[in-house]
Amino acid sequence: MLIGVPKEIKTDEYRVGLIPSTITELVASGHDVEVETHAGEGSGISDDEYATAGAHVVATADQIFQRAELIVKVKEPLTAERKQLRRKRPVTMPSAR
């Protein structure tokens, strides 16, 4: 499965949908993961850390919304993102504690 992680665009949201250690596990289980460049910046996670974990770092969220079979976000999709969602394309938002 191709899993995509776009950068959060909601004001004052600096978290990211997946961290590198989780990506390592997903890749080890046979999944492909794409992360938008700078998605982890607000959480102190570099693109290089994502690449080292096995993710493909892509230039835009558009690429993720077009290709990913599952999209992982922290917050609900905003209007600009909802316009890019396709039918039967799951979006998951892990609950924060």
Protein backbone atom coordinates (compact mmCIF):
# COMPACT_ATOMS: atom_id res chain seq x y z
CA MET A 1 0.00 0.00 0.00
CA LEU A 2 1.22 3.52 -0.75
CA ILE A 3 0.84 5.68 2.36
CA GLY A 4 1.15 9.45 2.08
CA VAL A 5 1.98 12.05 4.70
CA PRO A 6 1.33 15.65 3.65
CA LYS A 7 2.58 18.65 5.60
CA GLU A 8 -0.10 20.00 7.93
CA ILE A 9 -1.45 23.34 6.69
CA LYS A 10 -3.72 24.28 9.58
CA THR A 11 -2.57 27.44 11.38
CA ASP A 12 -0.32 26.72 14.37
CA GLU A 13 -0.24 22.96 13.69
CA TYR A 14 3.37 21.77 13.81
CA ARG A 15 2.91 18.04 14.31
CA VAL A 16 3.25 15.46 11.57
CA GLY A 17 1.18 12.36 10.78
CA LEU A 18 4.00 9.80 11.03
CA ILE A 19 7.43 9.79 12.61
CA PRO A 20 10.49 8.06 11.11
CA SER A 21 10.39 5.04 13.44
CA THR A 22 6.82 4.27 12.35
CA ILE A 23 7.83 4.64 8.71
CA THR A 24 10.65 2.15 9.26
CA GLU A 25 8.08 -0.37 10.54
CA LEU A 26 5.66 0.29 7.67
CA VAL A 27 8.40 -0.12 5.06
CA ALA A 28 9.60 -3.32 6.75
CA SER A 29 6.03 -4.61 6.44
CA GLY A 30 6.08 -4.03 2.69
CA HIS A 31 4.41 -0.62 2.43
CA ASP A 32 5.69 2.37 0.48
CA VAL A 33 5.57 5.74 2.22
CA GLU A 34 5.72 9.20 0.68
CA VAL A 35 6.27 12.27 2.87
CA GLU A 36 5.90 15.84 1.66
CA THR A 37 9.13 17.79 1.93
CA HIS A 38 9.39 19.75 5.18
CA ALA A 39 6.39 17.88 6.67
CA GLY A 40 8.31 17.16 9.86
CA GLU A 41 10.05 20.50 10.18
CA GLY A 42 7.70 21.81 12.89
CA SER A 43 8.38 18.67 14.94
CA GLY A 44 12.13 18.83 14.47
CA ILE A 45 12.25 15.99 11.93
CA SER A 46 14.27 16.52 8.76
CA ASP A 47 13.63 15.19 5.27
CA ASP A 48 16.88 13.23 5.61
CA GLU A 49 15.52 11.43 8.67
CA TYR A 50 12.44 10.40 6.69
CA ALA A 51 14.56 9.24 3.77
CA THR A 52 16.80 7.23 6.10
CA ALA A 53 13.68 5.58 7.54
CA GLY A 54 12.73 4.47 4.04
CA ALA A 55 10.24 7.15 2.96
CA HIS A 56 10.28 8.84 -0.41
CA VAL A 57 10.30 12.59 0.13
CA VAL A 58 8.14 14.31 -2.49
CA ALA A 59 7.92 17.98 -3.45
CA THR A 60 4.21 18.68 -3.00
CA ALA A 61 1.10 17.57 -1.19
CA ASP A 62 -0.57 17.34 -4.62
CA GLN A 63 1.65 14.35 -5.40
CA ILE A 64 0.54 12.63 -2.20
CA PHE A 65 -3.17 13.33 -2.72
CA GLN A 66 -2.96 12.05 -6.30
CA ARG A 67 -1.06 8.83 -5.61
CA ALA A 68 -1.46 7.65 -2.01
CA GLU A 69 -3.89 4.87 -1.16
CA LEU A 70 -4.01 6.03 2.48
CA ILE A 71 -3.34 9.57 3.71
CA VAL A 72 -2.17 10.15 7.28
CA LYS A 73 -2.71 13.58 8.84
CA VAL A 74 -2.79 14.99 12.35
CA LYS A 75 -5.76 17.30 11.77
CA GLU A 76 -8.88 17.11 9.63
CA PRO A 77 -8.42 17.95 5.94
CA LEU A 78 -8.97 21.64 5.29
CA THR A 79 -10.95 22.94 2.31
CA ALA A 80 -7.96 23.00 -0.05
CA GLU A 81 -7.13 19.40 0.90
CA ARG A 82 -10.73 18.16 0.75
CA LYS A 83 -10.89 19.29 -2.87
CA GLN A 84 -8.05 16.89 -3.61
CA LEU A 85 -9.55 13.85 -1.91
CA ARG A 86 -10.86 11.11 -4.13
CA ARG A 87 -13.73 8.75 -3.46
CA LYS A 88 -12.92 5.69 -1.43
CA ARG A 89 -9.55 7.12 -0.44
CA PRO A 90 -9.16 6.75 3.32
CA VAL A 91 -7.72 9.52 5.45
CA THR A 92 -6.64 8.72 8.98
CA MET A 93 -5.85 11.07 11.82
CA PRO A 94 -4.17 9.27 14.73
CA SER A 95 -5.63 10.57 17.97
CA ALA A 96 -3.29 12.81 19.94
CA ARG A 97 -3.17 12.57 23.70
